[in-house]
């Protein structure tokens, strides 16, 4: 009964986060993010029970059929949704909170051959944009956004929006935290250029006087 309750909750999450989801049957049959997550829940349970080999076998089978690689050791909270999903990689010591959304091509990886906690910790209500790469034992606070294609190598506090390579925290007036809208993410380079332009104008005015 517990597995059916879990499946029902995952389907509800997808319907709430993906406007393209038309029906329960469509999600069950066609959503690779749903398939990967259900298989991961099983593999993770076996991993915690220290069952040898089988958790990794399930993980690799899931990778083969979905294009999504989640290590059995990764801890994933409630209401997690992988949208599109192809190329997502989530490392062994990754921790992901509740109500998180991940787009295709996201990597939660390590930085080398270090031992122990070596993958990112993601808070609650976090959105990771397409192609975002987060590396090492860093923490991304609750209600944060990571823009598409960003490379994050440092921790960020809650309510942060991270953009760029390497990623920097940017803020924009009226920007809604925890809701990533790719076409409205502030560009840190443009912001810096505008600040330089203003400083140049001030200097020109001072020189002319």
N, C-alpha and C. Protein backbone atom coordinates (compact mmCIF):
# COMPACT_ATOMS: atom_id res chain seq x y z
N UNK A 1 0.83 -1.21 0.00
CA UNK A 1 0.00 0.00 0.00
C UNK A 1 0.87 1.27 0.00
N UNK A 2 2.01 1.21 0.70
CA UNK A 2 2.86 2.38 0.79
C UNK A 2 3.39 2.78 -0.57
N UNK A 3 3.76 1.79 -1.41
CA UNK A 3 4.29 2.09 -2.73
C UNK A 3 3.24 2.76 -3.61
N UNK A 4 1.97 2.35 -3.47
CA UNK A 4 0.91 2.97 -4.26
C UNK A 4 0.67 4.41 -3.82
N UNK A 5 0.79 4.66 -2.52
CA UNK A 5 0.65 6.01 -1.99
C UNK A 5 1.77 6.90 -2.51
N UNK A 6 2.98 6.34 -2.57
CA UNK A 6 4.13 7.07 -3.07
C UNK A 6 3.95 7.42 -4.54
N UNK A 7 3.53 6.43 -5.33
CA UNK A 7 3.31 6.66 -6.77
C UNK A 7 2.25 7.73 -6.99
N UNK A 8 1.18 7.66 -6.22
CA UNK A 8 0.10 8.64 -6.33
C UNK A 8 0.61 10.05 -6.04
N UNK A 9 1.47 10.18 -5.02
CA UNK A 9 2.01 11.48 -4.66
C UNK A 9 2.94 12.01 -5.74
N UNK A 10 3.76 11.12 -6.32
CA UNK A 10 4.69 11.56 -7.37
C UNK A 10 3.91 12.04 -8.60
N UNK A 11 2.83 11.35 -8.93
CA UNK A 11 1.99 11.75 -10.07
C UNK A 11 1.36 13.12 -9.81
N UNK A 12 0.89 13.33 -8.60
CA UNK A 12 0.29 14.61 -8.22
C UNK A 12 1.32 15.73 -8.35
N UNK A 13 2.56 15.45 -7.95
CA UNK A 13 3.62 16.45 -8.05
C UNK A 13 3.87 16.84 -9.49
N UNK A 14 3.94 15.85 -10.37
CA UNK A 14 4.19 16.13 -11.78
C UNK A 14 3.06 16.96 -12.38
N UNK A 15 1.84 16.61 -12.06
CA UNK A 15 0.70 17.38 -12.58
C UNK A 15 0.74 18.82 -12.11
N UNK A 16 1.23 19.03 -10.89
CA UNK A 16 1.30 20.38 -10.35
C UNK A 16 2.42 21.22 -10.92
N UNK A 17 3.49 20.56 -11.42
CA UNK A 17 4.67 21.29 -11.88
C UNK A 17 4.86 21.30 -13.39
N UNK A 18 4.15 20.43 -14.10
CA UNK A 18 4.33 20.36 -15.55
C UNK A 18 3.01 20.61 -16.27
N UNK A 19 2.86 21.76 -16.92
CA UNK A 19 1.61 22.06 -17.62
C UNK A 19 1.36 21.15 -18.81
N UNK A 20 2.39 20.43 -19.26
CA UNK A 20 2.23 19.53 -20.40
C UNK A 20 1.64 18.18 -20.00
N UNK A 21 1.60 17.90 -18.70
CA UNK A 21 1.07 16.60 -18.23
C UNK A 21 -0.45 16.58 -18.40
N UNK A 22 -0.92 15.72 -19.28
CA UNK A 22 -2.35 15.70 -19.62
C UNK A 22 -3.15 14.69 -18.81
N UNK A 23 -2.51 13.59 -18.42
CA UNK A 23 -3.26 12.56 -17.71
C UNK A 23 -2.33 11.69 -16.88
N UNK A 24 -2.94 10.96 -15.94
CA UNK A 24 -2.18 10.03 -15.10
C UNK A 24 -1.54 8.94 -15.95
N UNK A 25 -2.28 8.41 -16.91
CA UNK A 25 -1.76 7.34 -17.77
C UNK A 25 -0.55 7.82 -18.55
N UNK A 26 -0.60 9.04 -19.06
CA UNK A 26 0.52 9.59 -19.80
C UNK A 26 1.77 9.67 -18.92
N UNK A 27 1.60 10.10 -17.68
CA UNK A 27 2.73 10.21 -16.76
C UNK A 27 3.33 8.84 -16.47
N UNK A 28 2.47 7.87 -16.18
CA UNK A 28 2.94 6.52 -15.84
C UNK A 28 3.70 5.88 -17.00
N UNK A 29 3.23 6.11 -18.22
CA UNK A 29 3.81 5.43 -19.37
C UNK A 29 4.97 6.20 -20.02
N UNK A 30 4.93 7.53 -19.96
CA UNK A 30 5.82 8.30 -20.82
C UNK A 30 6.80 9.23 -20.12
N UNK A 31 6.69 9.40 -18.81
CA UNK A 31 7.56 10.36 -18.11
C UNK A 31 8.78 9.65 -17.53
N UNK A 32 9.94 9.85 -18.18
CA UNK A 32 11.15 9.17 -17.71
C UNK A 32 11.60 9.66 -16.35
N UNK A 33 11.30 10.93 -16.01
CA UNK A 33 11.63 11.43 -14.68
C UNK A 33 10.87 10.68 -13.60
N UNK A 34 9.63 10.34 -13.88
CA UNK A 34 8.81 9.55 -12.96
C UNK A 34 9.38 8.15 -12.81
N UNK A 35 9.75 7.53 -13.93
CA UNK A 35 10.32 6.18 -13.89
C UNK A 35 11.62 6.16 -13.08
N UNK A 36 12.48 7.16 -13.35
CA UNK A 36 13.78 7.21 -12.66
C UNK A 36 13.61 7.39 -11.16
N UNK A 37 12.65 8.21 -10.76
CA UNK A 37 12.46 8.48 -9.35
C UNK A 37 11.90 7.26 -8.61
N UNK A 38 10.92 6.58 -9.22
CA UNK A 38 10.35 5.39 -8.58
C UNK A 38 11.42 4.31 -8.42
N UNK A 39 12.23 4.11 -9.47
CA UNK A 39 13.30 3.11 -9.38
C UNK A 39 14.35 3.54 -8.35
N UNK A 40 14.60 4.83 -8.25
CA UNK A 40 15.57 5.30 -7.24
C UNK A 40 15.04 5.06 -5.83
N UNK A 41 13.77 5.31 -5.61
CA UNK A 41 13.21 5.07 -4.27
C UNK A 41 13.45 3.62 -3.85
N UNK A 42 13.26 2.70 -4.79
CA UNK A 42 13.49 1.28 -4.50
C UNK A 42 14.96 1.01 -4.24
N UNK A 43 15.82 1.53 -5.13
CA UNK A 43 17.26 1.29 -5.00
C UNK A 43 17.80 1.89 -3.70
N UNK A 44 17.32 3.07 -3.34
CA UNK A 44 17.79 3.74 -2.12
C UNK A 44 17.41 2.94 -0.87
N UNK A 45 16.20 2.39 -0.89
CA UNK A 45 15.76 1.59 0.26
C UNK A 45 16.66 0.36 0.43
N UNK A 46 16.98 -0.30 -0.66
CA UNK A 46 17.87 -1.46 -0.62
C UNK A 46 19.28 -1.04 -0.20
N UNK A 47 19.70 0.14 -0.67
CA UNK A 47 21.03 0.67 -0.32
C UNK A 47 21.15 0.87 1.18
N UNK A 48 20.11 1.43 1.79
CA UNK A 48 20.12 1.67 3.24
C UNK A 48 20.11 0.36 4.02
N UNK A 49 19.53 -0.68 3.42
CA UNK A 49 19.53 -2.00 4.05
C UNK A 49 20.84 -2.75 3.82
N UNK A 50 21.77 -2.07 3.10
CA UNK A 50 23.09 -2.63 2.78
C UNK A 50 23.02 -3.90 1.94
N UNK A 51 22.01 -3.96 1.09
CA UNK A 51 21.92 -5.06 0.12
C UNK A 51 23.02 -4.85 -0.92
N UNK A 52 23.88 -5.82 -1.17
CA UNK A 52 24.96 -5.64 -2.13
C UNK A 52 24.49 -5.72 -3.58
N UNK A 53 25.16 -5.01 -4.45
CA UNK A 53 25.04 -5.10 -5.90
C UNK A 53 23.68 -4.67 -6.47
N UNK A 54 22.58 -5.17 -5.91
CA UNK A 54 21.26 -4.95 -6.48
C UNK A 54 20.90 -3.46 -6.61
N UNK A 55 21.18 -2.61 -5.60
CA UNK A 55 20.86 -1.19 -5.76
C UNK A 55 21.54 -0.56 -6.97
N UNK A 56 22.82 -0.88 -7.17
CA UNK A 56 23.53 -0.33 -8.33
C UNK A 56 23.00 -0.90 -9.63
N UNK A 57 22.59 -2.15 -9.62
CA UNK A 57 22.00 -2.76 -10.81
C UNK A 57 20.72 -2.03 -11.20
N UNK A 58 19.88 -1.74 -10.20
CA UNK A 58 18.64 -1.00 -10.46
C UNK A 58 18.95 0.40 -10.98
N UNK A 59 19.95 1.04 -10.38
CA UNK A 59 20.36 2.38 -10.80
C UNK A 59 20.83 2.40 -12.25
N UNK A 60 21.63 1.41 -12.62
CA UNK A 60 22.15 1.36 -13.99
C UNK A 60 21.05 0.99 -14.99
N UNK A 61 20.13 0.15 -14.58
CA UNK A 61 18.98 -0.17 -15.43
C UNK A 61 18.15 1.09 -15.67
N UNK A 62 17.94 1.86 -14.61
CA UNK A 62 17.20 3.11 -14.72
C UNK A 62 17.91 4.08 -15.67
N UNK A 63 19.22 4.16 -15.55
CA UNK A 63 20.01 5.02 -16.43
C UNK A 63 19.86 4.60 -17.88
N UNK A 64 19.84 3.30 -18.12
CA UNK A 64 19.74 2.77 -19.47
C UNK A 64 18.40 3.12 -20.12
N UNK A 65 17.32 3.03 -19.35
CA UNK A 65 16.00 3.24 -19.94
C UNK A 65 15.52 4.69 -19.88
N UNK A 66 16.14 5.52 -19.01
CA UNK A 66 15.66 6.90 -18.85
C UNK A 66 16.68 7.97 -19.23
N UNK A 67 17.96 7.64 -19.26
CA UNK A 67 18.99 8.65 -19.48
C UNK A 67 19.27 9.48 -18.26
N UNK A 68 18.76 9.05 -17.10
CA UNK A 68 18.93 9.76 -15.83
C UNK A 68 19.72 8.86 -14.88
N UNK A 69 20.82 9.36 -14.34
CA UNK A 69 21.64 8.55 -13.45
C UNK A 69 21.56 9.09 -12.02
N UNK A 70 20.97 8.32 -11.13
CA UNK A 70 20.89 8.70 -9.72
C UNK A 70 21.54 7.59 -8.90
N UNK A 71 22.59 7.91 -8.19
CA UNK A 71 23.24 6.89 -7.36
C UNK A 71 22.27 6.46 -6.25
N UNK A 72 22.24 5.17 -5.92
CA UNK A 72 21.32 4.68 -4.87
C UNK A 72 21.50 5.37 -3.53
N UNK A 73 22.69 5.89 -3.26
CA UNK A 73 22.96 6.53 -1.98
C UNK A 73 22.39 7.95 -1.86
N UNK A 74 22.02 8.56 -2.98
CA UNK A 74 21.50 9.93 -2.95
C UNK A 74 20.19 10.00 -2.17
N UNK A 75 20.05 11.05 -1.36
CA UNK A 75 18.85 11.24 -0.55
C UNK A 75 17.97 12.30 -1.21
N UNK A 76 16.74 11.92 -1.55
CA UNK A 76 15.83 12.82 -2.26
C UNK A 76 14.54 12.97 -1.47
N UNK A 77 14.14 14.20 -1.23
CA UNK A 77 12.95 14.49 -0.44
C UNK A 77 11.64 14.30 -1.19
N UNK A 78 10.58 14.80 -0.60
CA UNK A 78 9.23 14.64 -1.16
C UNK A 78 9.00 15.60 -2.33
N UNK A 79 8.04 15.22 -3.17
CA UNK A 79 7.56 16.09 -4.25
C UNK A 79 8.69 16.55 -5.18
N UNK A 80 9.58 15.64 -5.51
CA UNK A 80 10.71 15.92 -6.40
C UNK A 80 10.30 15.65 -7.84
N UNK A 81 10.67 16.56 -8.76
CA UNK A 81 10.29 16.38 -10.16
C UNK A 81 11.48 16.67 -11.07
N UNK A 82 11.79 15.72 -11.95
CA UNK A 82 12.80 15.91 -12.98
C UNK A 82 12.07 16.14 -14.30
N UNK A 83 12.17 17.35 -14.84
CA UNK A 83 11.46 17.69 -16.07
C UNK A 83 12.35 17.39 -17.28
N UNK A 84 11.84 16.65 -18.22
CA UNK A 84 12.57 16.18 -19.42
C UNK A 84 13.61 15.14 -19.01
N UNK A 85 14.61 15.52 -18.24
CA UNK A 85 15.44 14.55 -17.55
C UNK A 85 16.70 14.08 -18.21
N UNK A 86 16.77 14.00 -19.53
CA UNK A 86 17.94 13.40 -20.18
C UNK A 86 19.24 14.06 -19.71
N UNK A 87 20.19 13.24 -19.30
CA UNK A 87 21.50 13.73 -18.92
C UNK A 87 21.64 14.16 -17.48
N UNK A 88 20.61 14.00 -16.68
CA UNK A 88 20.71 14.35 -15.26
C UNK A 88 21.59 13.34 -14.54
N UNK A 89 22.52 13.84 -13.71
CA UNK A 89 23.40 12.98 -12.91
C UNK A 89 23.37 13.47 -11.47
N UNK A 90 23.05 12.56 -10.54
CA UNK A 90 22.99 12.90 -9.12
C UNK A 90 23.89 11.95 -8.36
N UNK A 91 24.93 12.49 -7.73
CA UNK A 91 25.96 11.67 -7.10
C UNK A 91 25.56 11.04 -5.78
N UNK A 92 26.41 10.15 -5.30
CA UNK A 92 26.11 9.29 -4.15
C UNK A 92 25.76 10.04 -2.88
N UNK A 93 26.48 11.09 -2.54
CA UNK A 93 26.25 11.77 -1.26
C UNK A 93 25.40 13.04 -1.42
N UNK A 94 24.75 13.16 -2.56
CA UNK A 94 23.85 14.30 -2.77
C UNK A 94 22.65 14.21 -1.83
N UNK A 95 22.20 15.37 -1.35
CA UNK A 95 20.99 15.45 -0.54
C UNK A 95 20.10 16.51 -1.16
N UNK A 96 18.87 16.15 -1.46
CA UNK A 96 17.91 17.06 -2.08
C UNK A 96 16.68 17.16 -1.20
N UNK A 97 16.28 18.39 -0.89
CA UNK A 97 15.15 18.61 0.00
C UNK A 97 13.80 18.38 -0.67
N UNK A 98 12.76 18.91 -0.06
CA UNK A 98 11.39 18.72 -0.55
C UNK A 98 11.04 19.77 -1.61
N UNK A 99 10.11 19.38 -2.48
CA UNK A 99 9.51 20.30 -3.46
C UNK A 99 10.53 20.92 -4.41
N UNK A 100 11.51 20.13 -4.84
CA UNK A 100 12.54 20.63 -5.75
C UNK A 100 12.22 20.25 -7.20
N UNK A 101 12.69 21.09 -8.12
CA UNK A 101 12.48 20.88 -9.55
C UNK A 101 13.82 20.92 -10.25
N UNK A 102 14.09 19.90 -11.07
CA UNK A 102 15.36 19.79 -11.80
C UNK A 102 15.07 19.62 -13.28
N UNK A 103 15.75 20.41 -14.11
CA UNK A 103 15.59 20.29 -15.56
C UNK A 103 16.70 19.41 -16.15
N UNK A 104 16.62 19.16 -17.45
CA UNK A 104 17.54 18.26 -18.12
C UNK A 104 18.99 18.74 -18.04
N UNK A 105 19.90 17.77 -18.02
CA UNK A 105 21.32 18.08 -18.06
C UNK A 105 21.94 18.56 -16.78
N UNK A 106 21.20 18.52 -15.68
CA UNK A 106 21.74 18.98 -14.39
C UNK A 106 22.68 17.93 -13.82
N UNK A 107 23.79 18.39 -13.24
CA UNK A 107 24.75 17.49 -12.59
C UNK A 107 24.98 17.93 -11.15
N UNK A 108 24.81 16.99 -10.23
CA UNK A 108 25.23 17.18 -8.84
C UNK A 108 26.42 16.26 -8.64
N UNK A 109 27.61 16.81 -8.80
CA UNK A 109 28.80 15.97 -8.84
C UNK A 109 29.84 16.32 -7.79
N UNK A 110 30.90 15.53 -7.78
CA UNK A 110 32.03 15.77 -6.90
C UNK A 110 33.10 16.57 -7.61
N UNK A 111 34.19 16.85 -6.91
CA UNK A 111 35.28 17.63 -7.50
C UNK A 111 36.56 16.82 -7.69
N UNK A 112 36.54 15.56 -7.32
CA UNK A 112 37.73 14.73 -7.44
C UNK A 112 37.53 13.38 -6.79
N UNK A 113 38.56 12.91 -6.12
CA UNK A 113 38.51 11.59 -5.49
C UNK A 113 38.39 11.68 -3.97
N UNK A 114 37.84 12.80 -3.49
CA UNK A 114 37.70 12.96 -2.04
C UNK A 114 36.70 11.94 -1.49
N UNK A 115 36.83 11.65 -0.21
CA UNK A 115 35.95 10.69 0.45
C UNK A 115 34.88 11.42 1.26
N UNK A 116 33.93 10.67 1.81
CA UNK A 116 32.91 11.25 2.66
C UNK A 116 31.90 12.07 1.87
N UNK A 117 31.36 13.10 2.51
CA UNK A 117 30.36 13.97 1.86
C UNK A 117 31.05 14.78 0.78
N UNK A 118 30.74 14.51 -0.46
CA UNK A 118 31.47 15.14 -1.57
C UNK A 118 30.56 15.66 -2.67
N UNK A 119 29.26 15.61 -2.44
CA UNK A 119 28.30 16.11 -3.41
C UNK A 119 27.41 17.18 -2.79
N UNK A 120 26.71 17.96 -3.59
CA UNK A 120 25.91 19.08 -3.06
C UNK A 120 24.74 18.68 -2.19
N UNK A 121 24.37 19.61 -1.32
CA UNK A 121 23.14 19.52 -0.53
C UNK A 121 22.20 20.63 -1.02
N UNK A 122 21.02 20.25 -1.44
CA UNK A 122 20.05 21.19 -1.99
C UNK A 122 18.89 21.34 -1.01
N UNK A 123 18.54 22.56 -0.67
CA UNK A 123 17.47 22.82 0.28
C UNK A 123 16.09 22.56 -0.29
N UNK A 124 15.08 23.02 0.40
CA UNK A 124 13.69 22.86 -0.04
C UNK A 124 13.30 23.94 -1.05
N UNK A 125 12.37 23.59 -1.94
CA UNK A 125 11.80 24.56 -2.89
C UNK A 125 12.88 25.18 -3.79
N UNK A 126 13.83 24.37 -4.23
CA UNK A 126 14.91 24.85 -5.09
C UNK A 126 14.67 24.39 -6.53
N UNK A 127 14.97 25.28 -7.48
CA UNK A 127 14.87 24.94 -8.89
C UNK A 127 16.25 25.01 -9.53
N UNK A 128 16.63 23.96 -10.25
CA UNK A 128 17.91 23.91 -10.94
C UNK A 128 17.66 23.91 -12.44
N UNK A 129 18.08 24.97 -13.11
CA UNK A 129 17.82 25.15 -14.53
C UNK A 129 18.58 24.18 -15.41
N UNK A 130 18.18 24.09 -16.67
CA UNK A 130 18.76 23.14 -17.62
C UNK A 130 20.27 23.32 -17.74
N UNK A 131 20.99 22.21 -17.63
CA UNK A 131 22.44 22.23 -17.80
C UNK A 131 23.23 22.78 -16.63
N UNK A 132 22.57 23.07 -15.53
CA UNK A 132 23.29 23.59 -14.36
C UNK A 132 24.20 22.50 -13.78
N UNK A 133 25.39 22.91 -13.36
CA UNK A 133 26.37 21.98 -12.78
C UNK A 133 26.73 22.47 -11.39
N UNK A 134 26.51 21.62 -10.41
CA UNK A 134 26.84 21.95 -9.01
C UNK A 134 27.86 20.92 -8.53
N UNK A 135 29.00 21.40 -8.03
CA UNK A 135 30.10 20.51 -7.72
C UNK A 135 30.59 20.65 -6.29
N UNK A 136 30.84 19.50 -5.66
CA UNK A 136 31.46 19.48 -4.34
C UNK A 136 30.46 19.53 -3.20
N UNK A 137 31.02 19.52 -2.00
CA UNK A 137 30.21 19.52 -0.78
C UNK A 137 29.76 20.95 -0.46
N UNK A 138 28.84 21.45 -1.28
CA UNK A 138 28.31 22.80 -1.10
C UNK A 138 26.84 22.69 -0.72
N UNK A 139 26.29 23.79 -0.23
CA UNK A 139 24.88 23.81 0.17
C UNK A 139 24.16 24.97 -0.52
N UNK A 140 23.03 24.67 -1.13
CA UNK A 140 22.18 25.69 -1.73
C UNK A 140 20.95 25.84 -0.85
N UNK A 141 20.74 27.02 -0.32
CA UNK A 141 19.68 27.25 0.65
C UNK A 141 18.28 27.14 0.08
N UNK A 142 17.30 27.09 0.96
CA UNK A 142 15.90 26.97 0.57
C UNK A 142 15.46 28.11 -0.36
N UNK A 143 14.47 27.80 -1.20
CA UNK A 143 13.82 28.81 -2.05
C UNK A 143 14.77 29.49 -3.02
N UNK A 144 15.80 28.75 -3.47
CA UNK A 144 16.79 29.33 -4.38
C UNK A 144 16.59 28.85 -5.81
N UNK A 145 17.20 29.59 -6.74
CA UNK A 145 17.17 29.24 -8.16
C UNK A 145 18.59 29.18 -8.70
N UNK A 146 18.87 28.22 -9.55
CA UNK A 146 20.14 28.17 -10.26
C UNK A 146 19.82 28.24 -11.75
N UNK A 147 20.33 29.27 -12.41
CA UNK A 147 20.02 29.50 -13.81
C UNK A 147 20.60 28.45 -14.74
N UNK A 148 20.02 28.33 -15.93
CA UNK A 148 20.47 27.36 -16.93
C UNK A 148 21.93 27.58 -17.28
N UNK A 149 22.69 26.48 -17.35
CA UNK A 149 24.08 26.54 -17.75
C UNK A 149 25.05 27.07 -16.71
N UNK A 150 24.57 27.34 -15.51
CA UNK A 150 25.45 27.88 -14.47
C UNK A 150 26.33 26.79 -13.87
N UNK A 151 27.51 27.18 -13.40
CA UNK A 151 28.42 26.26 -12.73
C UNK A 151 28.62 26.76 -11.30
N UNK A 152 28.11 26.01 -10.35
CA UNK A 152 28.11 26.43 -8.95
C UNK A 152 29.16 25.63 -8.17
N UNK A 153 30.10 26.34 -7.57
CA UNK A 153 31.17 25.67 -6.81
C UNK A 153 31.26 26.22 -5.38
N UNK A 154 30.36 27.16 -5.04
CA UNK A 154 30.34 27.71 -3.68
C UNK A 154 28.92 27.67 -3.14
N UNK A 155 28.80 27.55 -1.82
CA UNK A 155 27.49 27.51 -1.18
C UNK A 155 26.77 28.85 -1.34
N UNK A 156 25.43 28.80 -1.23
CA UNK A 156 24.62 30.01 -1.32
C UNK A 156 23.54 29.95 -0.25
N UNK A 157 23.23 31.11 0.32
CA UNK A 157 22.22 31.18 1.35
C UNK A 157 20.82 31.00 0.74
N UNK A 158 19.82 30.87 1.61
CA UNK A 158 18.45 30.72 1.13
C UNK A 158 18.02 31.98 0.37
N UNK A 159 17.04 31.79 -0.51
CA UNK A 159 16.50 32.87 -1.34
C UNK A 159 17.52 33.47 -2.29
N UNK A 160 18.46 32.64 -2.75
CA UNK A 160 19.48 33.11 -3.69
C UNK A 160 19.08 32.78 -5.12
N UNK A 161 19.55 33.61 -6.05
CA UNK A 161 19.46 33.29 -7.47
C UNK A 161 20.87 33.29 -8.01
N UNK A 162 21.33 32.15 -8.53
CA UNK A 162 22.70 32.01 -8.98
C UNK A 162 22.76 31.88 -10.49
N UNK A 163 23.66 32.67 -11.11
CA UNK A 163 23.77 32.69 -12.56
C UNK A 163 25.24 32.81 -12.94
N UNK A 164 25.63 32.14 -14.03
CA UNK A 164 26.94 32.37 -14.62
C UNK A 164 27.94 31.26 -14.40
N UNK A 165 29.16 31.48 -14.96
CA UNK A 165 30.26 30.52 -14.88
C UNK A 165 31.52 31.29 -14.46
N UNK A 166 31.99 31.12 -13.23
CA UNK A 166 31.32 30.43 -12.13
C UNK A 166 30.10 31.23 -11.67
N UNK A 167 29.16 30.56 -11.05
CA UNK A 167 27.90 31.20 -10.68
C UNK A 167 28.10 32.23 -9.59
N UNK A 168 27.35 33.34 -9.71
CA UNK A 168 27.33 34.38 -8.70
C UNK A 168 25.89 34.64 -8.28
N UNK A 169 25.72 35.09 -7.07
CA UNK A 169 24.38 35.42 -6.59
C UNK A 169 23.97 36.77 -7.17
N UNK A 170 22.82 36.80 -7.82
CA UNK A 170 22.30 38.04 -8.38
C UNK A 170 20.91 38.28 -7.83
N UNK A 171 20.50 39.52 -7.80
CA UNK A 171 19.18 39.85 -7.31
C UNK A 171 18.54 40.84 -8.26
N UNK A 172 17.25 40.77 -8.37
CA UNK A 172 16.52 41.70 -9.23
C UNK A 172 15.22 42.07 -8.54
N UNK A 173 14.86 43.33 -8.59
CA UNK A 173 13.64 43.80 -7.95
C UNK A 173 12.45 43.05 -8.51
N UNK A 174 11.58 42.61 -7.64
CA UNK A 174 10.35 41.91 -7.99
C UNK A 174 10.58 40.50 -8.55
N UNK A 175 11.82 40.02 -8.46
CA UNK A 175 12.07 38.64 -8.91
C UNK A 175 11.55 37.67 -7.86
N UNK A 176 10.78 36.69 -8.30
CA UNK A 176 10.14 35.76 -7.36
C UNK A 176 11.10 34.63 -7.01
N UNK A 177 11.50 34.54 -5.75
CA UNK A 177 12.41 33.49 -5.33
C UNK A 177 11.69 32.14 -5.32
N UNK A 178 12.43 31.09 -5.68
CA UNK A 178 11.87 29.75 -5.67
C UNK A 178 11.06 29.42 -6.91
N UNK A 179 10.92 30.40 -7.82
CA UNK A 179 10.19 30.16 -9.06
C UNK A 179 11.07 30.62 -10.21
N UNK A 180 11.76 29.67 -10.83
CA UNK A 180 12.71 30.00 -11.88
C UNK A 180 11.99 30.26 -13.20
N UNK A 181 12.15 31.48 -13.71
CA UNK A 181 11.60 31.83 -15.02
C UNK A 181 12.80 32.21 -15.89
N UNK A 182 13.17 31.29 -16.81
CA UNK A 182 14.43 31.42 -17.53
C UNK A 182 14.56 32.74 -18.29
N UNK A 183 13.45 33.27 -18.77
CA UNK A 183 13.50 34.49 -19.56
C UNK A 183 13.58 35.76 -18.71
N UNK A 184 13.56 35.61 -17.39
CA UNK A 184 13.59 36.78 -16.51
C UNK A 184 14.75 36.75 -15.52
N UNK A 185 15.67 35.82 -15.71
CA UNK A 185 16.82 35.76 -14.82
C UNK A 185 17.76 36.92 -15.11
N UNK A 186 18.17 37.69 -14.11
CA UNK A 186 19.10 38.80 -14.35
C UNK A 186 20.45 38.30 -14.84
N UNK A 187 21.09 39.09 -15.71
CA UNK A 187 22.39 38.75 -16.28
C UNK A 187 23.47 39.51 -15.51
N UNK A 188 24.33 38.81 -14.74
CA UNK A 188 25.33 39.51 -13.93
C UNK A 188 26.33 40.31 -14.75
N UNK A 189 26.65 39.84 -15.96
CA UNK A 189 27.60 40.57 -16.81
C UNK A 189 27.00 41.90 -17.25
N UNK A 190 25.73 41.86 -17.68
CA UNK A 190 25.05 43.09 -18.10
C UNK A 190 24.94 44.07 -16.95
N UNK A 191 24.66 43.54 -15.76
CA UNK A 191 24.56 44.40 -14.58
C UNK A 191 25.88 45.11 -14.31
N UNK A 192 27.00 44.37 -14.39
CA UNK A 192 28.31 44.96 -14.15
C UNK A 192 28.64 46.02 -15.20
N UNK A 193 28.29 45.73 -16.47
CA UNK A 193 28.56 46.68 -17.56
C UNK A 193 27.78 47.98 -17.34
N UNK A 194 26.52 47.84 -16.93
CA UNK A 194 25.70 49.04 -16.67
C UNK A 194 26.29 49.86 -15.53
N UNK A 195 26.80 49.19 -14.49
CA UNK A 195 27.42 49.91 -13.37
C UNK A 195 28.67 50.65 -13.82
N UNK A 196 29.47 49.99 -14.69
CA UNK A 196 30.68 50.64 -15.21
C UNK A 196 30.33 51.85 -16.07
N UNK A 197 29.27 51.73 -16.86
CA UNK A 197 28.84 52.85 -17.70
C UNK A 197 28.47 54.06 -16.84
N UNK A 198 27.74 53.78 -15.75
CA UNK A 198 27.34 54.87 -14.86
C UNK A 198 28.54 55.52 -14.20
N UNK A 199 29.53 54.69 -13.79
CA UNK A 199 30.73 55.24 -13.17
C UNK A 199 31.52 56.10 -14.17
N UNK A 200 31.58 55.65 -15.42
CA UNK A 200 32.29 56.41 -16.46
C UNK A 200 31.61 57.76 -16.69
N UNK A 201 30.28 57.76 -16.71
CA UNK A 201 29.55 59.01 -16.90
C UNK A 201 29.82 59.98 -15.75
N UNK A 202 29.86 59.44 -14.53
CA UNK A 202 30.15 60.28 -13.36
C UNK A 202 31.55 60.86 -13.47
N UNK A 203 32.54 60.04 -13.89
CA UNK A 203 33.91 60.50 -14.03
C UNK A 203 34.04 61.56 -15.12
N UNK A 204 33.34 61.34 -16.24
CA UNK A 204 33.37 62.32 -17.33
C UNK A 204 32.84 63.68 -16.88
N UNK A 205 31.73 63.61 -16.12
CA UNK A 205 31.12 64.84 -15.63
C UNK A 205 32.05 65.57 -14.67
N UNK A 206 32.75 64.77 -13.82
CA UNK A 206 33.67 65.36 -12.87
C UNK A 206 34.86 66.00 -13.57
N UNK A 207 35.36 65.33 -14.61
CA UNK A 207 36.52 65.86 -15.37
C UNK A 207 36.13 67.14 -16.09
N UNK A 208 34.95 67.16 -16.69
CA UNK A 208 34.52 68.33 -17.46
C UNK A 208 34.36 69.57 -16.57
N UNK A 209 34.10 69.33 -15.28
CA UNK A 209 33.97 70.46 -14.37
C UNK A 209 35.33 70.95 -13.89
